[in-house]
C-alpha cells in the first residue's frame, strides 16, 4: 500500500475541507493512499490493454478509460485552491501504477491530475452514497465508497 507523503497531510486536510467540508485524519489519508494506488493501477491496466489492442506498446493519455463524469471531476480538481500543492503530493503515488505498463511522458505527467480527480470523486461519493451532512468519514463510509468504485471502475 502506498502512503501519502507526510508533508502532504495538511494539503489533503485542506483539500477535503474545501471541496466537501470533510474532516479527514491521518487514518483517512492512509486509506486514501491505498485507494488511489489501487484505482490508478486499475486504470493503467485497462489502458495497457487498450493500447495493445490498438497495436501500441506505449500507453497514451487517451488510452486511460476516463468517463465524461470523471473528466469533469479532473477539471474541478484543477480549480481547487491548493490543487497544485495536492498534485505535487500525488505525484509520488503515481509512479507505481505507471510502471505497470509502458506509459508515455504525457501519460505519466497526467496521472497526478487523474489521482486528483479520484480524490474529488471519492469526496463527492462520501456525500452522495453515505449522507449529505457527513463531516468525518468512518470505516463504513470508506467501504461503501470503495464498493461503488469497484462496480464502476
N, C-alpha and C. Protein backbone atom coordinates (compact mmCIF):
# COMPACT_ATOMS: atom_id res chain seq x y z
N UNK A 1 0.84 -1.18 0.00
CA UNK A 1 0.00 0.00 0.00
C UNK A 1 0.89 1.24 0.00
N UNK A 2 0.55 2.18 -0.82
CA UNK A 2 1.30 3.40 -0.94
C UNK A 2 0.77 4.43 0.04
N UNK A 3 1.68 5.07 0.78
CA UNK A 3 1.26 6.09 1.74
C UNK A 3 1.45 7.47 1.15
N UNK A 4 0.60 8.37 1.57
CA UNK A 4 0.76 9.76 1.17
C UNK A 4 1.96 10.34 1.90
N UNK A 5 2.67 11.25 1.26
CA UNK A 5 3.82 11.85 1.94
C UNK A 5 3.37 12.64 3.17
N UNK A 6 4.16 12.53 4.24
CA UNK A 6 3.83 13.21 5.49
C UNK A 6 3.66 14.71 5.26
N UNK A 7 4.50 15.29 4.42
CA UNK A 7 4.43 16.73 4.15
C UNK A 7 3.10 17.12 3.51
N UNK A 8 2.43 16.18 2.90
CA UNK A 8 1.18 16.48 2.21
C UNK A 8 -0.07 16.38 3.06
N UNK A 9 0.06 15.96 4.31
CA UNK A 9 -1.12 15.74 5.15
C UNK A 9 -1.97 17.00 5.26
N UNK A 10 -1.34 18.12 5.59
CA UNK A 10 -2.10 19.37 5.73
C UNK A 10 -2.75 19.77 4.40
N UNK A 11 -2.06 19.50 3.29
CA UNK A 11 -2.62 19.82 1.97
C UNK A 11 -3.92 19.05 1.73
N UNK A 12 -3.91 17.76 2.06
CA UNK A 12 -5.09 16.94 1.84
C UNK A 12 -6.20 17.29 2.82
N UNK A 13 -5.85 17.60 4.05
CA UNK A 13 -6.86 18.03 5.00
C UNK A 13 -7.57 19.28 4.47
N UNK A 14 -6.79 20.25 3.98
CA UNK A 14 -7.36 21.48 3.41
C UNK A 14 -8.21 21.16 2.17
N UNK A 15 -7.70 20.29 1.31
CA UNK A 15 -8.41 19.91 0.08
C UNK A 15 -9.80 19.37 0.40
N UNK A 16 -9.89 18.40 1.30
CA UNK A 16 -11.18 17.78 1.61
C UNK A 16 -12.10 18.74 2.37
N UNK A 17 -11.52 19.60 3.17
CA UNK A 17 -12.33 20.60 3.87
C UNK A 17 -12.92 21.60 2.87
N UNK A 18 -12.11 22.02 1.89
CA UNK A 18 -12.57 22.99 0.89
C UNK A 18 -13.59 22.39 -0.07
N UNK A 19 -13.33 21.19 -0.54
CA UNK A 19 -14.19 20.63 -1.60
C UNK A 19 -15.54 20.16 -1.09
N UNK A 20 -15.57 19.47 0.03
CA UNK A 20 -16.84 18.90 0.50
C UNK A 20 -17.03 18.99 2.01
N UNK A 21 -16.31 19.90 2.64
CA UNK A 21 -16.44 20.12 4.08
C UNK A 21 -16.25 18.84 4.88
N UNK A 22 -15.27 18.03 4.49
CA UNK A 22 -14.97 16.80 5.19
C UNK A 22 -13.74 17.00 6.07
N UNK A 23 -13.80 16.45 7.27
CA UNK A 23 -12.66 16.47 8.17
C UNK A 23 -12.01 15.09 8.10
N UNK A 24 -10.84 15.03 7.50
CA UNK A 24 -10.12 13.76 7.39
C UNK A 24 -8.95 13.77 8.36
N UNK A 25 -8.59 12.58 8.82
CA UNK A 25 -7.45 12.46 9.72
C UNK A 25 -6.39 11.58 9.07
N UNK A 26 -5.34 11.29 9.83
CA UNK A 26 -4.23 10.52 9.27
C UNK A 26 -4.66 9.13 8.82
N UNK A 27 -5.58 8.50 9.53
CA UNK A 27 -6.02 7.16 9.12
C UNK A 27 -6.79 7.24 7.80
N UNK A 28 -7.57 8.31 7.61
CA UNK A 28 -8.26 8.50 6.33
C UNK A 28 -7.25 8.69 5.21
N UNK A 29 -6.21 9.44 5.48
CA UNK A 29 -5.21 9.70 4.43
C UNK A 29 -4.40 8.46 4.11
N UNK A 30 -4.21 7.58 5.08
CA UNK A 30 -3.56 6.30 4.80
C UNK A 30 -4.45 5.47 3.87
N UNK A 31 -5.73 5.45 4.17
CA UNK A 31 -6.69 4.74 3.29
C UNK A 31 -6.70 5.37 1.90
N UNK A 32 -6.65 6.69 1.85
CA UNK A 32 -6.66 7.40 0.58
C UNK A 32 -5.48 6.98 -0.29
N UNK A 33 -4.30 6.87 0.31
CA UNK A 33 -3.12 6.44 -0.45
C UNK A 33 -3.33 5.08 -1.09
N UNK A 34 -3.86 4.14 -0.33
CA UNK A 34 -4.12 2.81 -0.86
C UNK A 34 -5.20 2.82 -1.93
N UNK A 35 -6.24 3.62 -1.70
CA UNK A 35 -7.33 3.73 -2.66
C UNK A 35 -6.83 4.27 -3.99
N UNK A 36 -6.07 5.36 -3.95
CA UNK A 36 -5.55 5.96 -5.18
C UNK A 36 -4.65 4.97 -5.90
N UNK A 37 -3.79 4.30 -5.17
CA UNK A 37 -2.89 3.32 -5.78
C UNK A 37 -3.68 2.23 -6.50
N UNK A 38 -4.69 1.68 -5.84
CA UNK A 38 -5.49 0.60 -6.45
C UNK A 38 -6.25 1.08 -7.69
N UNK A 39 -6.87 2.23 -7.60
CA UNK A 39 -7.68 2.72 -8.72
C UNK A 39 -6.81 3.15 -9.90
N UNK A 40 -5.65 3.75 -9.63
CA UNK A 40 -4.74 4.08 -10.73
C UNK A 40 -4.22 2.81 -11.40
N UNK A 41 -3.94 1.79 -10.60
CA UNK A 41 -3.49 0.52 -11.19
C UNK A 41 -4.59 -0.05 -12.10
N UNK A 42 -5.84 0.03 -11.65
CA UNK A 42 -6.95 -0.45 -12.48
C UNK A 42 -7.00 0.32 -13.80
N UNK A 43 -6.88 1.64 -13.72
CA UNK A 43 -6.94 2.48 -14.93
C UNK A 43 -5.77 2.19 -15.88
N UNK A 44 -4.58 2.09 -15.32
CA UNK A 44 -3.40 1.86 -16.16
C UNK A 44 -3.42 0.45 -16.75
N UNK A 45 -3.90 -0.52 -15.99
CA UNK A 45 -4.02 -1.88 -16.51
C UNK A 45 -4.95 -1.90 -17.72
N UNK A 46 -6.10 -1.27 -17.58
CA UNK A 46 -7.07 -1.21 -18.69
C UNK A 46 -6.50 -0.42 -19.87
N UNK A 47 -5.80 0.66 -19.56
CA UNK A 47 -5.19 1.48 -20.62
C UNK A 47 -4.14 0.68 -21.39
N UNK A 48 -3.39 -0.17 -20.68
CA UNK A 48 -2.41 -1.02 -21.35
C UNK A 48 -3.07 -1.96 -22.34
N UNK A 49 -4.21 -2.52 -21.95
CA UNK A 49 -4.95 -3.41 -22.85
C UNK A 49 -5.48 -2.64 -24.06
N UNK A 50 -5.94 -1.42 -23.83
CA UNK A 50 -6.44 -0.59 -24.94
C UNK A 50 -5.31 -0.25 -25.91
N UNK A 51 -4.16 0.12 -25.37
CA UNK A 51 -3.01 0.43 -26.23
C UNK A 51 -2.61 -0.79 -27.05
N UNK A 52 -2.55 -1.93 -26.39
CA UNK A 52 -2.16 -3.17 -27.08
C UNK A 52 -3.16 -3.52 -28.18
N UNK A 53 -4.46 -3.35 -27.89
CA UNK A 53 -5.50 -3.64 -28.88
C UNK A 53 -5.38 -2.72 -30.09
N UNK A 54 -4.78 -1.56 -29.89
CA UNK A 54 -4.58 -0.61 -30.98
C UNK A 54 -3.18 -0.70 -31.58
N UNK A 55 -2.47 -1.79 -31.28
CA UNK A 55 -1.17 -2.05 -31.88
C UNK A 55 -0.04 -1.21 -31.32
N UNK A 56 -0.18 -0.73 -30.10
CA UNK A 56 0.87 0.08 -29.48
C UNK A 56 1.35 -0.56 -28.19
N UNK A 57 2.60 -0.32 -27.86
CA UNK A 57 3.17 -0.79 -26.60
C UNK A 57 3.12 0.29 -25.53
N UNK A 58 2.99 1.53 -25.95
CA UNK A 58 3.04 2.68 -25.05
C UNK A 58 1.62 3.19 -24.77
N UNK A 59 1.32 3.40 -23.49
CA UNK A 59 0.02 3.93 -23.08
C UNK A 59 0.03 5.45 -23.25
N UNK A 60 -0.91 5.93 -24.01
CA UNK A 60 -1.08 7.37 -24.21
C UNK A 60 -2.24 7.85 -23.34
N UNK A 61 -2.31 9.15 -23.05
CA UNK A 61 -3.40 9.64 -22.19
C UNK A 61 -4.79 9.23 -22.67
N UNK A 62 -5.02 9.21 -23.97
CA UNK A 62 -6.35 8.86 -24.47
C UNK A 62 -6.69 7.38 -24.28
N UNK A 63 -5.71 6.56 -23.88
CA UNK A 63 -5.98 5.16 -23.59
C UNK A 63 -6.61 4.95 -22.21
N UNK A 64 -6.40 5.90 -21.33
CA UNK A 64 -6.98 5.76 -19.99
C UNK A 64 -8.51 5.83 -20.10
N UNK A 65 -9.20 4.88 -19.50
CA UNK A 65 -10.67 4.84 -19.62
C UNK A 65 -11.33 5.87 -18.69
N UNK A 66 -11.29 7.11 -19.12
CA UNK A 66 -11.83 8.22 -18.34
C UNK A 66 -13.22 8.55 -18.88
N UNK A 67 -14.21 8.45 -18.03
CA UNK A 67 -15.59 8.77 -18.43
C UNK A 67 -15.79 10.29 -18.44
N UNK A 68 -16.89 10.71 -19.01
CA UNK A 68 -17.22 12.14 -19.06
C UNK A 68 -17.32 12.71 -17.64
N UNK A 69 -18.01 12.02 -16.76
CA UNK A 69 -18.17 12.50 -15.40
C UNK A 69 -16.84 12.59 -14.66
N UNK A 70 -16.01 11.58 -14.85
CA UNK A 70 -14.69 11.58 -14.21
C UNK A 70 -13.84 12.71 -14.77
N UNK A 71 -13.91 12.94 -16.08
CA UNK A 71 -13.17 14.05 -16.70
C UNK A 71 -13.60 15.38 -16.08
N UNK A 72 -14.88 15.54 -15.82
CA UNK A 72 -15.38 16.76 -15.19
C UNK A 72 -14.82 16.93 -13.79
N UNK A 73 -14.65 15.82 -13.03
CA UNK A 73 -14.06 15.91 -11.70
C UNK A 73 -12.60 16.32 -11.80
N UNK A 74 -11.89 15.85 -12.84
CA UNK A 74 -10.50 16.26 -13.03
C UNK A 74 -10.43 17.76 -13.29
N UNK A 75 -11.34 18.28 -14.10
CA UNK A 75 -11.41 19.73 -14.34
C UNK A 75 -11.71 20.48 -13.06
N UNK A 76 -12.65 19.96 -12.27
CA UNK A 76 -12.98 20.59 -10.99
C UNK A 76 -11.77 20.57 -10.05
N UNK A 77 -11.04 19.47 -10.06
CA UNK A 77 -9.84 19.37 -9.22
C UNK A 77 -8.87 20.50 -9.55
N UNK A 78 -8.68 20.78 -10.82
CA UNK A 78 -7.76 21.83 -11.23
C UNK A 78 -8.14 23.19 -10.65
N UNK A 79 -9.42 23.39 -10.35
CA UNK A 79 -9.90 24.68 -9.85
C UNK A 79 -9.81 24.81 -8.33
N UNK A 80 -9.49 23.75 -7.63
CA UNK A 80 -9.38 23.81 -6.17
C UNK A 80 -8.18 24.69 -5.82
N UNK A 81 -8.32 25.48 -4.77
CA UNK A 81 -7.30 26.47 -4.44
C UNK A 81 -5.91 25.89 -4.23
N UNK A 82 -5.80 24.71 -3.64
CA UNK A 82 -4.47 24.13 -3.42
C UNK A 82 -4.19 22.93 -4.32
N UNK A 83 -4.81 22.91 -5.50
CA UNK A 83 -4.65 21.78 -6.43
C UNK A 83 -3.19 21.56 -6.81
N UNK A 84 -2.44 22.61 -7.02
CA UNK A 84 -1.03 22.45 -7.42
C UNK A 84 -0.25 21.74 -6.32
N UNK A 85 -0.47 22.15 -5.08
CA UNK A 85 0.23 21.52 -3.96
C UNK A 85 -0.20 20.06 -3.78
N UNK A 86 -1.49 19.80 -3.91
CA UNK A 86 -2.00 18.42 -3.79
C UNK A 86 -1.45 17.57 -4.93
N UNK A 87 -1.42 18.15 -6.12
CA UNK A 87 -0.89 17.42 -7.28
C UNK A 87 0.57 17.03 -7.05
N UNK A 88 1.34 17.92 -6.44
CA UNK A 88 2.74 17.59 -6.13
C UNK A 88 2.82 16.40 -5.18
N UNK A 89 1.94 16.37 -4.18
CA UNK A 89 1.92 15.24 -3.25
C UNK A 89 1.46 13.96 -3.92
N UNK A 90 0.52 14.08 -4.84
CA UNK A 90 0.01 12.90 -5.55
C UNK A 90 1.03 12.33 -6.53
N UNK A 91 1.96 13.15 -6.98
CA UNK A 91 2.96 12.68 -7.95
C UNK A 91 3.75 11.50 -7.39
N UNK A 92 3.99 11.47 -6.09
CA UNK A 92 4.74 10.36 -5.51
C UNK A 92 3.95 9.05 -5.54
N UNK A 93 2.63 9.15 -5.64
CA UNK A 93 1.78 7.95 -5.68
C UNK A 93 1.61 7.37 -7.07
N UNK A 94 1.92 8.15 -8.08
CA UNK A 94 1.58 7.73 -9.44
C UNK A 94 2.68 6.95 -10.14
N UNK A 95 3.86 6.91 -9.58
CA UNK A 95 4.95 6.19 -10.26
C UNK A 95 4.76 4.68 -10.21
N UNK A 96 4.19 4.14 -9.14
CA UNK A 96 3.96 2.70 -9.05
C UNK A 96 3.00 2.20 -10.10
N UNK A 97 1.78 2.76 -10.17
CA UNK A 97 0.84 2.32 -11.20
C UNK A 97 1.35 2.56 -12.62
N UNK A 98 2.06 3.64 -12.83
CA UNK A 98 2.57 3.93 -14.17
C UNK A 98 3.57 2.87 -14.61
N UNK A 99 4.26 2.27 -13.66
CA UNK A 99 5.27 1.27 -14.03
C UNK A 99 4.64 -0.06 -14.45
N UNK A 100 3.33 -0.21 -14.28
CA UNK A 100 2.65 -1.44 -14.68
C UNK A 100 2.60 -1.60 -16.19
N UNK A 101 2.68 -0.52 -16.90
CA UNK A 101 2.65 -0.53 -18.36
C UNK A 101 3.61 0.56 -18.82
N UNK A 102 4.08 0.45 -20.03
CA UNK A 102 4.95 1.49 -20.57
C UNK A 102 4.09 2.69 -20.91
N UNK A 103 4.25 3.75 -20.14
CA UNK A 103 3.45 4.96 -20.33
C UNK A 103 4.29 6.04 -20.98
N UNK A 104 3.65 6.79 -21.85
CA UNK A 104 4.33 7.93 -22.46
C UNK A 104 4.58 8.99 -21.37
N UNK A 105 5.47 9.92 -21.66
CA UNK A 105 5.73 11.01 -20.72
C UNK A 105 4.46 11.80 -20.46
N UNK A 106 3.65 12.02 -21.51
CA UNK A 106 2.39 12.75 -21.35
C UNK A 106 1.45 12.03 -20.39
N UNK A 107 1.39 10.71 -20.50
CA UNK A 107 0.52 9.93 -19.62
C UNK A 107 1.02 10.03 -18.19
N UNK A 108 2.31 9.83 -18.00
CA UNK A 108 2.87 9.90 -16.64
C UNK A 108 2.67 11.27 -16.01
N UNK A 109 2.79 12.32 -16.81
CA UNK A 109 2.63 13.66 -16.25
C UNK A 109 1.16 13.98 -15.95
N UNK A 110 0.24 13.25 -16.59
CA UNK A 110 -1.19 13.48 -16.36
C UNK A 110 -1.73 12.69 -15.16
N UNK A 111 -1.06 11.60 -14.78
CA UNK A 111 -1.57 10.74 -13.71
C UNK A 111 -1.79 11.47 -12.37
N UNK A 112 -0.97 12.43 -11.96
CA UNK A 112 -1.31 13.14 -10.72
C UNK A 112 -2.64 13.89 -10.80
N UNK A 113 -2.98 14.44 -11.95
CA UNK A 113 -4.29 15.09 -12.10
C UNK A 113 -5.41 14.06 -12.08
N UNK A 114 -5.17 12.91 -12.68
CA UNK A 114 -6.15 11.82 -12.63
C UNK A 114 -6.36 11.41 -11.17
N UNK A 115 -5.27 11.31 -10.42
CA UNK A 115 -5.37 10.98 -8.99
C UNK A 115 -6.14 12.07 -8.24
N UNK A 116 -5.93 13.32 -8.62
CA UNK A 116 -6.70 14.41 -8.02
C UNK A 116 -8.18 14.28 -8.32
N UNK A 117 -8.50 13.88 -9.55
CA UNK A 117 -9.89 13.63 -9.91
C UNK A 117 -10.47 12.49 -9.10
N UNK A 118 -9.66 11.48 -8.82
CA UNK A 118 -10.11 10.37 -7.97
C UNK A 118 -10.41 10.87 -6.55
N UNK A 119 -9.55 11.75 -6.03
CA UNK A 119 -9.78 12.31 -4.69
C UNK A 119 -11.10 13.07 -4.65
N UNK A 120 -11.33 13.88 -5.65
CA UNK A 120 -12.56 14.67 -5.68
C UNK A 120 -13.78 13.78 -5.86
N UNK A 121 -13.67 12.78 -6.72
CA UNK A 121 -14.78 11.85 -6.92
C UNK A 121 -15.09 11.08 -5.64
N UNK A 122 -14.05 10.66 -4.94
CA UNK A 122 -14.24 9.96 -3.67
C UNK A 122 -14.94 10.87 -2.66
N UNK A 123 -14.50 12.10 -2.58
CA UNK A 123 -15.10 13.06 -1.66
C UNK A 123 -16.59 13.23 -1.94
N UNK A 124 -16.93 13.38 -3.22
CA UNK A 124 -18.34 13.54 -3.60
C UNK A 124 -19.12 12.26 -3.34
N UNK A 125 -18.47 11.12 -3.52
CA UNK A 125 -19.12 9.83 -3.27
C UNK A 125 -19.50 9.69 -1.81
N UNK A 126 -18.62 10.13 -0.92
CA UNK A 126 -18.96 10.09 0.51
C UNK A 126 -20.26 10.82 0.78
N UNK A 127 -20.41 11.98 0.17
CA UNK A 127 -21.60 12.80 0.41
C UNK A 127 -22.86 12.21 -0.23
N UNK A 128 -22.72 11.60 -1.39
CA UNK A 128 -23.88 11.07 -2.11
C UNK A 128 -24.30 9.71 -1.57
N UNK A 129 -23.34 8.81 -1.39
CA UNK A 129 -23.65 7.44 -1.02
C UNK A 129 -23.91 7.29 0.47
N UNK A 130 -23.28 8.09 1.27
CA UNK A 130 -23.45 7.91 2.71
C UNK A 130 -24.52 8.86 3.24
N UNK A 131 -24.16 10.11 3.38
CA UNK A 131 -25.13 11.09 3.85
C UNK A 131 -24.64 12.49 3.50
N UNK A 132 -25.53 13.36 3.07
CA UNK A 132 -25.11 14.70 2.64
C UNK A 132 -24.44 15.53 3.73
N UNK A 133 -24.77 15.27 4.97
CA UNK A 133 -24.20 16.07 6.07
C UNK A 133 -22.95 15.44 6.67
N UNK A 134 -22.42 14.41 6.06
CA UNK A 134 -21.23 13.73 6.58
C UNK A 134 -20.08 14.71 6.74
N UNK A 135 -19.44 14.66 7.88
CA UNK A 135 -18.28 15.52 8.15
C UNK A 135 -16.99 14.73 8.30
N UNK A 136 -17.08 13.54 8.89
CA UNK A 136 -15.89 12.76 9.16
C UNK A 136 -16.13 11.32 8.71
N UNK A 137 -15.60 10.94 7.54
CA UNK A 137 -15.83 9.58 7.04
C UNK A 137 -15.29 8.52 7.99
N UNK A 138 -16.09 7.51 8.20
CA UNK A 138 -15.71 6.38 9.05
C UNK A 138 -15.44 5.17 8.16
N UNK A 139 -15.01 4.08 8.76
CA UNK A 139 -14.68 2.86 8.02
C UNK A 139 -15.83 2.43 7.13
N UNK A 140 -17.05 2.45 7.63
CA UNK A 140 -18.20 2.00 6.84
C UNK A 140 -18.39 2.88 5.60
N UNK A 141 -18.11 4.17 5.72
CA UNK A 141 -18.24 5.07 4.57
C UNK A 141 -17.18 4.74 3.52
N UNK A 142 -15.96 4.50 3.97
CA UNK A 142 -14.89 4.12 3.05
C UNK A 142 -15.24 2.82 2.33
N UNK A 143 -15.73 1.85 3.09
CA UNK A 143 -16.07 0.56 2.48
C UNK A 143 -17.17 0.69 1.44
N UNK A 144 -18.20 1.47 1.74
CA UNK A 144 -19.28 1.68 0.76
C UNK A 144 -18.77 2.38 -0.49
N UNK A 145 -17.99 3.41 -0.30
CA UNK A 145 -17.45 4.17 -1.44
C UNK A 145 -16.57 3.28 -2.30
N UNK A 146 -15.72 2.47 -1.67
CA UNK A 146 -14.84 1.59 -2.45
C UNK A 146 -15.62 0.53 -3.19
N UNK A 147 -16.68 -0.01 -2.58
CA UNK A 147 -17.51 -0.99 -3.28
C UNK A 147 -18.16 -0.36 -4.51
N UNK A 148 -18.60 0.87 -4.38
CA UNK A 148 -19.18 1.56 -5.52
C UNK A 148 -18.15 1.75 -6.63
N UNK A 149 -16.95 2.21 -6.27
CA UNK A 149 -15.89 2.38 -7.26
C UNK A 149 -15.55 1.06 -7.93
N UNK A 150 -15.53 -0.03 -7.15
CA UNK A 150 -15.24 -1.34 -7.74
C UNK A 150 -16.28 -1.73 -8.78
N UNK A 151 -17.52 -1.34 -8.58
CA UNK A 151 -18.56 -1.64 -9.56
C UNK A 151 -18.39 -0.80 -10.83
N UNK A 152 -17.92 0.42 -10.68
CA UNK A 152 -17.88 1.35 -11.80
C UNK A 152 -16.54 1.38 -12.52
N UNK A 153 -15.48 1.01 -11.85
CA UNK A 153 -14.14 1.12 -12.47
C UNK A 153 -13.51 -0.24 -12.62
